[in-house]
Amino acid sequence: LVVCWAPRWFLPTLPLAVAFWLRLLRNPAWRKCLLAHQATAPLDEEGFAMVAALGDSRRMAFWVERVVRSYGGQVLSLKAMDRFASLIFRARKPVMSFAELLECLRTDASESFIKWPPVLAPLNAEG
């Protein structure tokens, strides 16, 4: 806003702005908060908590879809995925662990909107 009134202050204040953002990003807690995104969050317990902290079911659905794809599955219904994603976090916190989420995704309840590849038995010496 000050730059609009007095453009001459832009260059002198630029190093201060850069220093401010570098200082914020230096703190791990602030870095996680500022850089949290459903497309880049890790596919583990920490990423689950990061995306839940965003408080948006569409973002959570996007992240869960990434999890499903990373385990070889395919999402058949995005609408059903949105409904499922809205149920796995409350008050910006996950309601289950990541392991429980994976188990829930593999159960019969999610078969209506997730297709998993068939599980094949490993070959033995007899073929």
Protein backbone atom coordinates (compact mmCIF):
# COMPACT_ATOMS: atom_id res chain seq x y z
CA LEU A 1 0.00 0.00 0.00
CA VAL A 2 2.82 2.38 0.82
CA VAL A 3 4.45 1.51 -2.49
CA CYS A 4 1.36 2.75 -4.33
CA TRP A 5 1.55 6.12 -2.58
CA ALA A 6 5.30 6.44 -2.73
CA PRO A 7 6.96 4.18 -5.30
CA ARG A 8 10.32 5.47 -4.19
CA TRP A 9 10.03 3.22 -1.09
CA PHE A 10 9.77 0.00 -3.11
CA LEU A 11 13.49 -0.67 -3.57
CA PRO A 12 14.54 0.34 -0.04
CA THR A 13 11.87 -1.91 1.54
CA LEU A 14 12.44 -4.91 -0.73
CA PRO A 15 15.27 -6.38 1.41
CA LEU A 16 13.06 -6.03 4.49
CA ALA A 17 10.26 -7.96 2.82
CA VAL A 18 12.64 -10.71 1.74
CA ALA A 19 14.13 -10.88 5.24
CA PHE A 20 10.65 -11.09 6.75
CA TRP A 21 9.65 -14.08 4.58
CA LEU A 22 12.97 -15.84 5.08
CA ARG A 23 12.59 -15.43 8.83
CA LEU A 24 9.10 -16.94 8.73
CA LEU A 25 10.21 -19.86 6.57
CA ARG A 26 13.15 -20.57 8.86
CA ASN A 27 10.82 -21.76 11.62
CA PRO A 28 9.66 -25.35 10.85
CA ALA A 29 6.18 -24.79 12.27
CA TRP A 30 5.59 -21.69 10.17
CA ARG A 31 7.12 -23.37 7.12
CA LYS A 32 4.66 -26.27 7.40
CA CYS A 33 1.78 -23.87 7.85
CA LEU A 34 2.72 -21.55 4.99
CA LEU A 35 3.76 -24.19 2.47
CA ALA A 36 1.10 -26.83 3.22
CA HIS A 37 -0.67 -27.93 0.07
CA GLN A 38 -2.62 -31.04 -0.81
CA ALA A 39 -0.57 -31.65 -3.95
CA THR A 40 2.78 -31.60 -2.15
CA ALA A 41 1.97 -32.95 1.31
CA PRO A 42 3.71 -36.24 2.08
CA LEU A 43 1.61 -39.39 1.81
CA ASP A 44 1.98 -40.39 5.45
CA GLU A 45 0.74 -39.50 8.93
CA GLU A 46 2.38 -36.06 8.82
CA GLY A 47 0.83 -35.23 5.46
CA PHE A 48 -2.56 -36.42 6.70
CA ALA A 49 -2.33 -34.00 9.63
CA MET A 50 -1.09 -31.17 7.39
CA VAL A 51 -3.98 -31.48 4.96
CA ALA A 52 -6.51 -31.89 7.77
CA ALA A 53 -5.19 -28.64 9.27
CA LEU A 54 -6.20 -26.88 6.05
CA GLY A 55 -9.82 -27.63 6.99
CA ASP A 56 -11.14 -28.15 3.46
CA SER A 57 -12.78 -31.41 2.39
CA ARG A 58 -11.98 -30.85 -1.29
CA ARG A 59 -8.30 -30.51 -0.49
CA MET A 60 -8.52 -33.63 1.66
CA ALA A 61 -10.24 -35.49 -1.19
CA PHE A 62 -7.43 -34.48 -3.55
CA TRP A 63 -4.82 -35.74 -1.06
CA VAL A 64 -6.70 -39.01 -0.45
CA GLU A 65 -6.92 -39.51 -4.20
CA ARG A 66 -3.13 -39.16 -4.34
CA VAL A 67 -2.86 -41.79 -1.60
CA VAL A 68 -5.16 -44.17 -3.48
CA ARG A 69 -3.20 -43.71 -6.72
CA SER A 70 0.12 -44.24 -4.93
CA TYR A 71 -1.14 -47.62 -3.68
CA GLY A 72 -2.30 -48.64 -7.15
CA GLY A 73 -5.98 -47.83 -6.81
CA GLN A 74 -8.29 -45.76 -8.96
CA VAL A 75 -11.00 -43.37 -7.78
CA LEU A 76 -14.25 -44.04 -9.63
CA SER A 77 -16.46 -41.33 -8.13
CA LEU A 78 -15.09 -37.95 -7.12
CA LYS A 79 -18.39 -37.01 -5.49
CA ALA A 80 -18.25 -40.05 -3.21
CA MET A 81 -14.59 -39.29 -2.51
CA ASP A 82 -15.56 -35.75 -1.43
CA ARG A 83 -18.16 -37.18 0.96
CA PHE A 84 -15.64 -39.66 2.35
CA ALA A 85 -13.00 -36.95 2.76
CA SER A 86 -15.37 -34.76 4.74
CA LEU A 87 -15.76 -37.55 7.31
CA ILE A 88 -12.10 -38.28 8.05
CA PHE A 89 -11.27 -35.01 9.81
CA ARG A 90 -13.00 -32.77 12.33
CA ALA A 91 -11.95 -29.40 13.71
CA ARG A 92 -8.87 -29.42 11.48
CA LYS A 93 -7.61 -32.68 13.00
CA PRO A 94 -7.72 -36.23 11.61
CA VAL A 95 -10.23 -38.52 13.30
CA MET A 96 -8.09 -41.60 12.60
CA SER A 97 -4.48 -42.51 12.03
CA PHE A 98 -2.96 -42.90 8.59
CA ALA A 99 -2.86 -46.69 9.00
CA GLU A 100 -6.56 -46.69 9.88
CA LEU A 101 -7.25 -44.51 6.84
CA LEU A 102 -5.50 -47.00 4.58
CA GLU A 103 -7.47 -49.85 6.14
CA CYS A 104 -10.70 -47.91 5.70
CA LEU A 105 -9.88 -47.23 2.05
CA ARG A 106 -9.32 -50.94 1.43
CA THR A 107 -12.55 -52.10 3.08
CA ASP A 108 -15.84 -52.93 1.44
CA ALA A 109 -17.27 -49.50 2.30
CA SER A 110 -14.99 -47.78 -0.18
CA GLU A 111 -15.45 -50.31 -2.97
CA SER A 112 -18.26 -48.22 -4.38
CA PHE A 113 -15.90 -45.39 -5.31
CA ILE A 114 -12.40 -46.95 -5.33
CA LYS A 115 -11.21 -49.72 -7.60
CA TRP A 116 -8.20 -51.66 -6.36
CA PRO A 117 -6.09 -53.95 -8.53
CA PRO A 118 -6.61 -57.65 -7.86
CA VAL A 119 -4.33 -59.16 -5.26
CA LEU A 120 -2.40 -62.00 -6.80
CA ALA A 121 -0.70 -64.73 -4.85
CA PRO A 122 3.05 -64.86 -5.31
CA LEU A 123 4.38 -67.65 -7.46
CA ASN A 124 5.95 -70.58 -5.71
CA ALA A 125 8.40 -73.18 -7.00
CA GLU A 126 5.58 -75.13 -8.64
CA GLY A 127 4.26 -72.14 -10.54
